[in-house]
Protein backbone atom coordinates (compact mmCIF):
# COMPACT_ATOMS: atom_id res chain seq x y z
CA MET A 1 -48.60 -31.95 -69.82
CA ASP A 2 -51.67 -32.54 -72.14
CA ARG A 3 -52.49 -36.14 -72.16
CA ARG A 4 -52.44 -36.49 -76.14
CA LYS A 5 -48.68 -34.97 -76.10
CA PHE A 6 -47.46 -37.64 -73.50
CA LEU A 7 -49.14 -40.76 -75.24
CA THR A 8 -47.30 -39.00 -78.51
CA PHE A 9 -44.12 -39.13 -76.31
CA VAL A 10 -43.85 -42.51 -75.87
CA GLY A 11 -45.26 -43.67 -78.60
CA GLY A 12 -49.06 -44.23 -78.47
CA ALA A 13 -51.71 -45.78 -75.77
CA GLY A 14 -50.18 -49.35 -77.03
CA ALA A 15 -46.47 -48.63 -75.56
CA LEU A 16 -48.16 -47.30 -72.14
CA ALA A 17 -50.09 -50.24 -71.61
CA THR A 18 -46.64 -52.41 -72.12
CA MET A 19 -45.13 -50.15 -69.37
CA ASN A 20 -45.20 -51.15 -65.64
CA ALA A 21 -46.25 -48.58 -63.05
CA ASN A 22 -42.79 -47.72 -62.20
CA GLN A 23 -42.08 -47.47 -66.21
CA LYS A 24 -44.90 -45.11 -66.81
CA ALA A 25 -44.28 -42.75 -63.87
CA ASP A 26 -40.97 -41.95 -64.82
CA ALA A 27 -42.16 -41.75 -68.66
CA LEU A 28 -43.92 -39.20 -67.08
CA GLU A 29 -41.52 -36.97 -65.33
CA PHE A 30 -39.19 -37.32 -68.16
CA ALA A 31 -41.94 -36.04 -70.77
CA MET A 32 -42.68 -33.29 -68.60
CA GLY A 33 -39.06 -31.93 -68.03
CA GLN A 34 -38.36 -32.52 -71.93
CA GLU A 35 -41.59 -30.12 -72.36
CA LEU A 36 -40.15 -27.49 -69.81
CA GLU A 37 -36.91 -27.39 -71.48
CA GLN A 38 -38.78 -26.11 -74.26
CA ALA A 39 -39.37 -22.84 -72.35
CA TYR A 40 -34.93 -22.48 -72.03
CA PRO A 41 -33.56 -21.94 -75.70
CA ASN A 42 -30.47 -21.11 -74.51
CA ARG A 43 -29.72 -23.60 -72.06
CA VAL A 44 -26.67 -25.85 -73.14
CA GLU A 45 -27.96 -28.56 -75.34
CA LYS A 46 -26.97 -32.35 -73.20
CA SER A 47 -27.12 -36.19 -74.25
CA ALA A 48 -28.16 -38.73 -72.12
CA LEU A 49 -26.57 -42.03 -71.60
CA CYS A 50 -28.43 -44.56 -73.66
CA ARG A 51 -30.09 -41.53 -75.81
CA ALA A 52 -27.20 -39.88 -77.89
CA TYR A 53 -26.61 -42.72 -80.01
CA GLY A 54 -28.58 -42.18 -83.23
CA ALA A 55 -28.53 -38.43 -83.25
CA ASP A 56 -27.43 -38.62 -86.67
CA ASP A 57 -28.82 -40.70 -89.11
CA ASP A 58 -25.55 -41.49 -90.76
CA TRP A 59 -23.87 -42.12 -86.93
CA GLN A 60 -21.80 -45.69 -87.72
CA THR A 61 -25.29 -47.68 -87.01
CA PRO A 62 -24.86 -51.23 -85.76
CA GLY A 63 -23.94 -53.31 -88.59
CA PRO A 64 -20.96 -54.72 -90.83
CA LEU A 65 -18.38 -52.15 -91.23
CA LYS A 66 -17.90 -51.22 -95.03
CA ILE A 67 -14.12 -50.92 -95.73
CA GLY A 68 -12.30 -48.14 -93.99
CA GLN A 69 -14.92 -47.82 -91.67
CA HIS A 70 -14.04 -48.84 -87.92
CA HIS A 71 -16.18 -49.08 -84.74
CA HIS A 72 -16.82 -45.80 -82.67
CA MET A 73 -14.50 -45.14 -79.30
CA GLY A 74 -13.63 -42.15 -77.70
CA HIS A 75 -14.88 -38.73 -77.92
CA ASP A 76 -18.26 -38.16 -79.38
CA ALA A 77 -17.86 -35.67 -81.77
CA ARG A 78 -21.36 -34.18 -81.87
CA LEU A 79 -21.16 -33.56 -77.91
CA PRO A 80 -19.01 -31.04 -76.08
CA LYS A 81 -15.51 -32.77 -74.54
CA ILE A 82 -14.82 -33.83 -71.67
CA SER A 83 -11.89 -32.72 -70.05
CA ASP A 84 -9.10 -34.63 -68.10
CA LYS A 85 -10.15 -34.10 -64.72
CA PRO A 86 -13.62 -33.15 -64.63
CA THR A 87 -16.01 -31.75 -61.95
CA LEU A 88 -19.64 -31.49 -61.20
CA LEU A 89 -20.18 -27.94 -62.19
CA GLU A 90 -18.28 -29.41 -65.75
CA PHE A 91 -20.96 -32.39 -65.78
CA PHE A 92 -23.48 -29.86 -65.44
CA ASP A 93 -22.68 -27.86 -68.50
CA LYS A 94 -21.55 -30.75 -70.87
CA ARG A 95 -23.57 -33.54 -70.10
CA ILE A 96 -26.59 -33.13 -67.63
CA GLY A 97 -27.15 -29.92 -69.23
CA HIS A 98 -28.83 -26.80 -66.81
CA SER A 99 -32.32 -29.03 -66.31
CA SER A 100 -34.76 -26.78 -65.54
CA HIS A 101 -36.88 -29.27 -63.24
CA LEU A 102 -33.74 -29.91 -61.06
CA LEU A 103 -33.12 -26.13 -60.68
CA GLN A 104 -36.69 -25.34 -59.82
CA SER A 105 -36.71 -28.20 -57.37
CA ALA A 106 -32.92 -26.42 -55.52
CA ARG A 107 -34.85 -23.18 -55.47
CA LEU A 108 -37.73 -24.52 -54.31
CA ALA A 109 -35.76 -26.46 -51.46
CA LYS A 110 -34.26 -23.13 -50.49
CA ILE A 111 -36.95 -21.42 -50.31
CA ASN A 112 -38.63 -23.54 -47.53
CA ASP A 113 -35.46 -22.89 -45.61
CA LEU A 114 -33.97 -26.71 -46.02
CA PRO A 115 -30.31 -27.38 -45.09
CA GLU A 116 -28.05 -27.25 -47.75
CA LYS A 117 -27.43 -30.69 -48.28
CA MET A 118 -30.66 -31.07 -49.01
CA VAL A 119 -30.98 -28.56 -51.71
CA LEU A 120 -28.36 -29.82 -52.79
CA ALA A 121 -30.11 -33.35 -52.93
CA CYS A 122 -32.82 -31.45 -55.24
CA LEU A 123 -30.54 -30.41 -57.71
CA LEU A 124 -29.13 -34.16 -58.21
CA HIS A 125 -32.00 -35.76 -57.18
CA ASP A 126 -32.82 -37.03 -60.86
CA ILE A 127 -29.38 -36.80 -62.08
CA SER A 128 -29.74 -40.32 -63.65
CA VAL A 129 -33.06 -40.00 -65.19
CA ILE A 130 -31.77 -37.13 -67.28
CA SER A 131 -28.04 -37.75 -67.65
CA TYR A 132 -27.35 -41.69 -67.80
CA ILE A 133 -30.02 -44.39 -67.39
CA SER A 134 -34.15 -43.31 -66.51
CA GLY A 135 -35.41 -47.35 -64.99
CA ASP A 136 -35.14 -47.38 -61.09
CA HIS A 137 -33.32 -43.63 -61.54
CA GLY A 138 -33.29 -42.97 -57.42
CA TYR A 139 -31.16 -46.08 -57.12
CA TYR A 140 -28.62 -45.09 -59.48
CA GLY A 141 -28.59 -41.83 -59.18
CA ALA A 142 -27.73 -42.60 -55.30
CA GLN A 143 -24.52 -44.24 -56.95
CA LEU A 144 -23.47 -41.54 -58.56
CA VAL A 145 -23.31 -39.46 -55.95
CA ALA A 146 -22.49 -41.78 -52.86
CA PRO A 147 -18.69 -40.84 -52.65
CA TYR A 148 -18.85 -37.22 -52.89
CA VAL A 149 -21.87 -36.61 -50.59
CA GLU A 150 -23.44 -37.19 -47.20
CA GLU A 151 -24.63 -40.44 -46.53
CA GLU A 152 -28.10 -38.54 -46.36
CA VAL A 153 -28.33 -36.84 -49.40
CA SER A 154 -27.57 -40.19 -51.76
CA TRP A 155 -29.87 -41.71 -49.31
CA ALA A 156 -32.76 -39.39 -49.58
CA ILE A 157 -32.31 -39.62 -53.42
CA LYS A 158 -32.22 -43.38 -53.59
CA TYR A 159 -35.71 -43.57 -51.22
CA HIS A 160 -37.37 -41.16 -52.75
CA GLN A 161 -38.40 -42.86 -56.01
CA SER A 162 -40.50 -45.06 -53.92
CA LEU A 163 -41.90 -42.43 -51.67
CA ARG A 164 -43.19 -40.92 -54.56
CA PHE A 165 -45.68 -43.35 -55.09
CA ILE A 166 -47.12 -43.12 -51.17
CA PRO A 167 -48.73 -40.40 -49.81
CA ASP A 168 -48.04 -38.15 -45.96
CA GLU A 169 -51.04 -36.24 -45.72
CA ASN A 170 -48.95 -35.00 -42.44
CA VAL A 171 -46.51 -33.84 -43.86
CA GLY A 172 -48.07 -32.23 -46.77
CA TYR A 173 -47.63 -34.97 -49.48
CA PRO A 174 -50.79 -36.42 -50.90
CA TYR A 175 -51.24 -38.79 -53.70
CA PRO A 176 -49.97 -36.76 -56.72
CA GLU A 177 -53.53 -36.22 -58.86
CA VAL A 178 -51.07 -36.18 -62.32
CA TYR A 179 -50.15 -40.36 -61.51
CA ILE A 180 -53.91 -40.32 -61.30
CA ARG A 181 -54.67 -38.08 -64.35
CA TYR A 182 -52.39 -40.03 -66.72
CA PHE A 183 -52.28 -43.66 -65.74
CA GLY A 184 -56.15 -44.43 -63.93
CA GLU A 185 -57.07 -45.16 -60.21
CA ASP A 186 -56.12 -48.27 -60.16
CA TYR A 187 -52.76 -47.78 -61.20
CA LYS A 188 -50.16 -49.43 -58.88
CA PRO A 189 -46.45 -49.77 -58.29
CA GLU A 190 -44.65 -53.00 -57.81
CA SER A 191 -44.17 -54.62 -54.81
CA TYR A 192 -40.19 -53.42 -54.19
CA ILE A 193 -41.58 -50.22 -54.49
CA TYR A 194 -43.86 -50.12 -51.49
CA LYS A 195 -41.24 -52.81 -49.49
CA ASP A 196 -38.68 -49.79 -49.89
CA GLY A 197 -41.31 -47.07 -49.37
CA GLN A 198 -42.16 -49.13 -46.11
CA TYR A 199 -38.57 -49.35 -45.31
CA ALA A 200 -38.01 -45.17 -45.53
CA ARG A 201 -41.35 -44.38 -43.64
CA ASN A 202 -39.71 -45.78 -40.68
CA HIS A 203 -35.81 -45.08 -41.05
CA LYS A 204 -34.39 -41.71 -39.63
CA TRP A 205 -34.11 -39.75 -42.80
CA TYR A 206 -37.88 -40.67 -43.77
CA MET A 207 -38.08 -36.53 -43.63
CA SER A 208 -35.15 -35.89 -46.03
CA ALA A 209 -36.21 -38.62 -48.63
CA ARG A 210 -39.54 -36.84 -48.30
CA GLN A 211 -38.65 -33.34 -49.04
CA ILE A 212 -36.94 -34.06 -52.42
CA CYS A 213 -40.77 -35.70 -53.30
CA ILE A 214 -42.27 -32.05 -51.78
CA ASN A 215 -40.13 -30.01 -53.67
CA ASP A 216 -40.04 -32.37 -56.80
CA VAL A 217 -43.63 -32.16 -57.72
CA TYR A 218 -44.47 -28.56 -57.85
CA SER A 219 -41.20 -28.15 -59.97
CA PHE A 220 -42.37 -28.05 -63.68
CA ASP A 221 -43.23 -23.94 -63.96
CA PRO A 222 -42.39 -22.33 -67.64
CA ASN A 223 -42.19 -19.21 -65.74
CA ILE A 224 -39.84 -19.69 -63.65
CA LYS A 225 -36.06 -19.19 -64.78
CA VAL A 226 -33.27 -20.19 -62.28
CA ASN A 227 -29.58 -20.67 -63.14
CA LEU A 228 -27.01 -22.98 -62.11
CA GLU A 229 -25.00 -20.42 -60.69
CA ASP A 230 -27.27 -19.60 -57.95
CA PHE A 231 -25.99 -22.95 -56.15
CA HIS A 232 -22.07 -22.61 -56.94
CA ASP A 233 -21.22 -21.86 -53.08
CA ILE A 234 -23.79 -24.83 -51.80
CA ILE A 235 -22.07 -27.31 -54.38
CA GLY A 236 -18.44 -26.33 -53.15
CA ARG A 237 -19.77 -26.61 -49.57
CA ASN A 238 -21.62 -29.58 -49.91
CA TRP A 239 -19.83 -31.87 -52.80
CA ARG A 240 -16.57 -33.34 -52.83
CA ASP A 241 -15.34 -33.28 -56.28
CA PRO A 242 -12.45 -35.50 -56.47
CA LYS A 243 -8.95 -34.56 -57.29
CA GLU A 244 -8.47 -37.31 -59.99
CA GLY A 245 -11.83 -35.91 -61.71
CA LEU A 246 -15.08 -37.95 -61.90
CA GLY A 247 -14.85 -40.94 -63.77
CA TYR A 248 -10.91 -41.34 -62.72
CA ASP A 249 -10.61 -41.85 -59.26
CA GLY A 250 -11.40 -45.18 -58.91
CA SER A 251 -14.42 -45.23 -56.75
CA PRO A 252 -17.22 -47.74 -57.17
CA CYS A 253 -19.08 -45.56 -59.34
CA ALA A 254 -16.72 -44.18 -61.45
CA HIS A 255 -17.40 -46.59 -64.44
CA MET A 256 -20.65 -44.61 -64.70
CA TRP A 257 -19.38 -40.92 -64.65
CA ARG A 258 -17.16 -42.34 -67.64
CA SER A 259 -20.42 -43.76 -69.48
CA MET A 260 -21.59 -40.40 -69.44
CA ILE A 261 -17.94 -38.84 -70.91
CA PHE A 262 -17.80 -41.39 -73.18
CA PRO A 263 -21.67 -42.74 -73.95
CA ASN A 264 -21.10 -44.27 -77.37
CA ASN A 265 -17.97 -46.75 -76.88
CA THR A 266 -18.34 -49.61 -78.69
CA LEU A 267 -16.49 -51.69 -75.67
């Protein structure tokens, strides 16, 4: 992505200067993903939580109600309706979208002959930044998937956020050049990133989180087309859809999935 495009995306150099290091990195990854999506004009449109509101100029903007108006609750008519017992595949179709970056990451993991659970981890590693919330997306993403995958998968998704800032030349992960190019040589993340990154470096699942980083940074190629159907079998074997449907199973993260189902509820 051209630096000028990135500055326009975040609202200019002044806006970029107000961001901390982690916010800058998240913004860059999201901007690159958005640019990549332009190469897929026929993909299913998605509306991420906190970005759907305001899509239409006259859509129930905050403020006093006029006579006969009501605050919005329930299904947002601008979005595809979610069924009573939604599955992960339905969320990909109707909320997450068939993200080119996620699909390319999973494809690369498959080419690199990683275990199926790690292919799934790469497919889901940015699920939060794309469909829920971008800040601390590794932590939120891990919470979203934890009840439905092996613990190693959610752990890897959580700690890839920190490890992306910590190079390890021995396993083929140098510090991303794009971070230097966009943020400068003095770019430093917050202390909790280093703390969690060092913890992950000494963990038995270190390479699982690191593999997400390795298969993440090279997955923004507009010339590569990947279909979600290529991973249906892997999802089926490594993801546990609750019988009640995502958002309705009483799990610790059910409310997060419901927030994606009804992203614009007033209460």
